[in-house]
Amino acid sequence: MCLDPYMSVMETSAFASQLDLLLAQAQASEARVRRAPKKSKLCAICRRFARGFGYTPAMPSSAELDAPVFALCSMTCMDLAAKEKGMIDPNRFEQAALRHASLQAGQYIESIQKTDLQHYSFDEWCTLIDVIVTGFTDGLRNEQHAASQSKHNDLKAAL
């Protein structure tokens, strides 16, 4: 933007004041972003950790530009948020992790020799939940690691 050489002193002063105000707003916004704590957000669709995707359903006001309305984990969840649909089907890694968690839960149930959940103590119930959640996350991690190793080995073989 260039200044008109024929602007009056008042017009130049008003223009400078507007520029100063815009600069101060930009600096305040940057300072807010720098001060904001780095919190892990959960995906608005599937509740996994969000990974930098976001969705704002309508044009935000200038006050809402700092962050999207929804934090999301993937393009799939972003598409679902835009369409306002439900959950996604598990991918092949998640299906394998579910099988792994099921086996772990079965082993725990056999170890305490109780198949009727009604007769579980609170500690047994909490342990079963822990076994399932840990089994799922371990299975998911193992499946993804195996897939990444497979790609790495395929690349080595191709070279």
Protein backbone atom coordinates (compact mmCIF):
# COMPACT_ATOMS: atom_id res chain seq x y z
CA MET A 1 0.00 0.00 0.00
CA CYS A 2 1.42 3.37 -0.89
CA LEU A 3 0.69 6.71 0.69
CA ASP A 4 -0.81 9.48 -1.39
CA PRO A 5 1.64 12.41 -1.35
CA TYR A 6 -1.32 14.81 -1.22
CA MET A 7 -2.81 13.33 1.99
CA SER A 8 -3.40 15.82 4.74
CA VAL A 9 -1.53 15.58 8.01
CA MET A 10 -4.74 14.39 9.71
CA GLU A 11 -5.31 11.70 7.08
CA THR A 12 -1.70 10.54 7.41
CA SER A 13 -2.01 10.46 11.18
CA ALA A 14 -5.26 8.47 11.02
CA PHE A 15 -3.69 6.04 8.55
CA ALA A 16 -0.66 5.59 10.84
CA SER A 17 -2.98 5.01 13.83
CA GLN A 18 -4.83 2.28 11.92
CA LEU A 19 -1.53 0.62 11.01
CA ASP A 20 -0.37 0.80 14.63
CA LEU A 21 -3.65 -0.78 15.78
CA LEU A 22 -3.36 -3.62 13.24
CA LEU A 23 0.26 -4.24 14.22
CA ALA A 24 -0.64 -4.32 17.93
CA GLN A 25 -3.49 -6.80 17.24
CA ALA A 26 -1.17 -9.06 15.25
CA GLN A 27 1.49 -8.97 17.99
CA ALA A 28 -1.11 -9.74 20.69
CA SER A 29 -2.40 -12.69 18.65
CA GLU A 30 1.15 -14.05 18.21
CA ALA A 31 1.81 -13.66 21.94
CA ARG A 32 -1.41 -15.59 22.77
CA VAL A 33 -0.36 -18.41 20.47
CA ARG A 34 3.15 -18.56 21.99
CA ARG A 35 1.74 -18.55 25.55
CA ALA A 36 -0.90 -21.18 24.82
CA PRO A 37 -0.01 -24.48 26.50
CA LYS A 38 0.58 -27.40 24.19
CA LYS A 39 -2.34 -29.60 25.22
CA SER A 40 -3.07 -32.90 23.53
CA LYS A 41 -6.48 -32.63 21.94
CA LEU A 42 -8.73 -35.54 21.11
CA CYS A 43 -10.33 -36.05 17.72
CA ALA A 44 -13.91 -34.77 17.75
CA ILE A 45 -15.08 -37.86 15.82
CA CYS A 46 -13.21 -40.93 17.09
CA ARG A 47 -11.54 -39.58 20.30
CA ARG A 48 -8.01 -40.59 19.22
CA PHE A 49 -5.31 -37.96 19.59
CA ALA A 50 -5.79 -35.15 17.08
CA ARG A 51 -2.89 -34.75 14.67
CA GLY A 52 -3.07 -31.23 13.28
CA PHE A 53 -6.26 -31.46 11.26
CA GLY A 54 -9.07 -29.07 12.05
CA TYR A 55 -12.51 -28.19 10.83
CA THR A 56 -14.53 -25.01 11.21
CA PRO A 57 -18.08 -25.46 9.84
CA ALA A 58 -18.78 -21.77 9.15
CA MET A 59 -16.76 -18.67 8.42
CA PRO A 60 -15.26 -17.76 11.80
CA SER A 61 -15.16 -14.26 13.19
CA SER A 62 -11.75 -12.67 13.68
CA ALA A 63 -11.89 -13.61 17.38
CA GLU A 64 -12.30 -17.30 16.49
CA LEU A 65 -9.42 -17.53 14.01
CA ASP A 66 -6.90 -18.79 16.60
CA ALA A 67 -8.13 -22.40 16.55
CA PRO A 68 -10.57 -24.58 14.61
CA VAL A 69 -13.84 -25.56 16.22
CA PHE A 70 -13.06 -29.29 15.86
CA ALA A 71 -9.64 -30.91 16.29
CA LEU A 72 -9.34 -34.11 14.23
CA CYS A 73 -6.90 -36.97 13.73
CA SER A 74 -7.17 -37.68 9.99
CA MET A 75 -8.67 -36.73 6.66
CA THR A 76 -11.28 -39.46 7.19
CA CYS A 77 -12.45 -37.87 10.42
CA MET A 78 -12.30 -34.44 8.79
CA ASP A 79 -14.60 -35.68 6.02
CA LEU A 80 -16.94 -37.15 8.63
CA ALA A 81 -16.97 -33.88 10.59
CA ALA A 82 -17.80 -31.97 7.42
CA LYS A 83 -20.64 -34.39 6.65
CA GLU A 84 -21.59 -34.67 10.34
CA LYS A 85 -21.66 -38.46 10.14
CA GLY A 86 -20.78 -41.07 12.76
CA MET A 87 -17.83 -43.33 13.51
CA ILE A 88 -15.52 -44.85 10.93
CA ASP A 89 -14.98 -48.58 10.48
CA PRO A 90 -11.77 -49.93 12.00
CA ASN A 91 -8.84 -50.19 9.59
CA ARG A 92 -6.75 -53.37 9.19
CA PHE A 93 -4.38 -52.34 12.01
CA GLU A 94 -7.27 -51.73 14.39
CA GLN A 95 -8.95 -55.02 13.46
CA ALA A 96 -5.72 -56.88 14.22
CA ALA A 97 -5.38 -54.95 17.49
CA LEU A 98 -8.96 -55.91 18.43
CA ARG A 99 -8.12 -59.58 17.83
CA HIS A 100 -4.99 -59.21 19.98
CA ALA A 101 -6.95 -57.50 22.78
CA SER A 102 -9.61 -60.24 22.62
CA LEU A 103 -6.97 -62.94 23.05
CA GLN A 104 -5.45 -61.07 26.00
CA ALA A 105 -8.88 -60.67 27.62
CA GLY A 106 -9.61 -64.36 27.09
CA GLN A 107 -6.35 -65.34 28.78
CA TYR A 108 -7.15 -63.12 31.76
CA ILE A 109 -10.68 -64.53 32.08
CA GLU A 110 -9.28 -68.07 32.00
CA SER A 111 -6.69 -67.16 34.63
CA ILE A 112 -9.33 -66.01 37.16
CA GLN A 113 -11.76 -68.76 36.10
CA LYS A 114 -14.80 -66.48 36.08
CA THR A 115 -16.89 -66.10 32.95
CA ASP A 116 -19.88 -64.33 34.48
CA LEU A 117 -19.10 -60.61 34.69
CA GLN A 118 -21.71 -60.26 37.41
CA HIS A 119 -19.41 -62.13 39.82
CA TYR A 120 -16.31 -59.99 39.18
CA SER A 121 -14.95 -57.93 42.03
CA PHE A 122 -14.22 -54.27 41.32
CA ASP A 123 -10.48 -55.01 41.03
CA GLU A 124 -11.08 -57.92 38.64
CA TRP A 125 -13.32 -55.72 36.50
CA CYS A 126 -10.72 -52.91 36.43
CA THR A 127 -7.99 -55.41 35.56
CA LEU A 128 -10.09 -56.79 32.68
CA ILE A 129 -10.56 -53.28 31.29
CA ASP A 130 -6.83 -52.60 31.68
CA VAL A 131 -5.99 -55.88 29.89
CA ILE A 132 -8.30 -55.00 27.00
CA VAL A 133 -7.10 -51.41 26.60
CA THR A 134 -3.44 -52.34 26.96
CA GLY A 135 -3.89 -55.29 24.60
CA PHE A 136 -5.49 -53.05 22.00
CA THR A 137 -2.82 -50.34 22.18
CA ASP A 138 0.01 -52.90 22.21
CA GLY A 139 -1.56 -54.73 19.27
CA LEU A 140 -2.02 -51.51 17.33
CA ARG A 141 1.56 -50.46 17.97
CA ASN A 142 2.89 -53.93 17.00
CA GLU A 143 0.85 -54.05 13.78
CA GLN A 144 1.94 -50.59 12.69
CA HIS A 145 5.57 -51.37 13.55
CA ALA A 146 5.41 -54.62 11.55
CA ALA A 147 3.93 -52.77 8.56
CA SER A 148 6.62 -50.11 8.74
CA GLN A 149 9.36 -52.78 8.95
CA SER A 150 7.83 -54.57 5.98
CA LYS A 151 7.92 -51.37 3.90
CA HIS A 152 11.51 -50.77 5.01
CA ASN A 153 12.53 -54.32 4.02
CA ASP A 154 10.74 -53.99 0.66
CA LEU A 155 12.63 -50.77 -0.02
CA LYS A 156 15.94 -52.43 0.90
CA ALA A 157 15.19 -55.36 -1.42
CA ALA A 158 14.34 -52.99 -4.27
CA LEU A 159 17.71 -51.23 -3.93
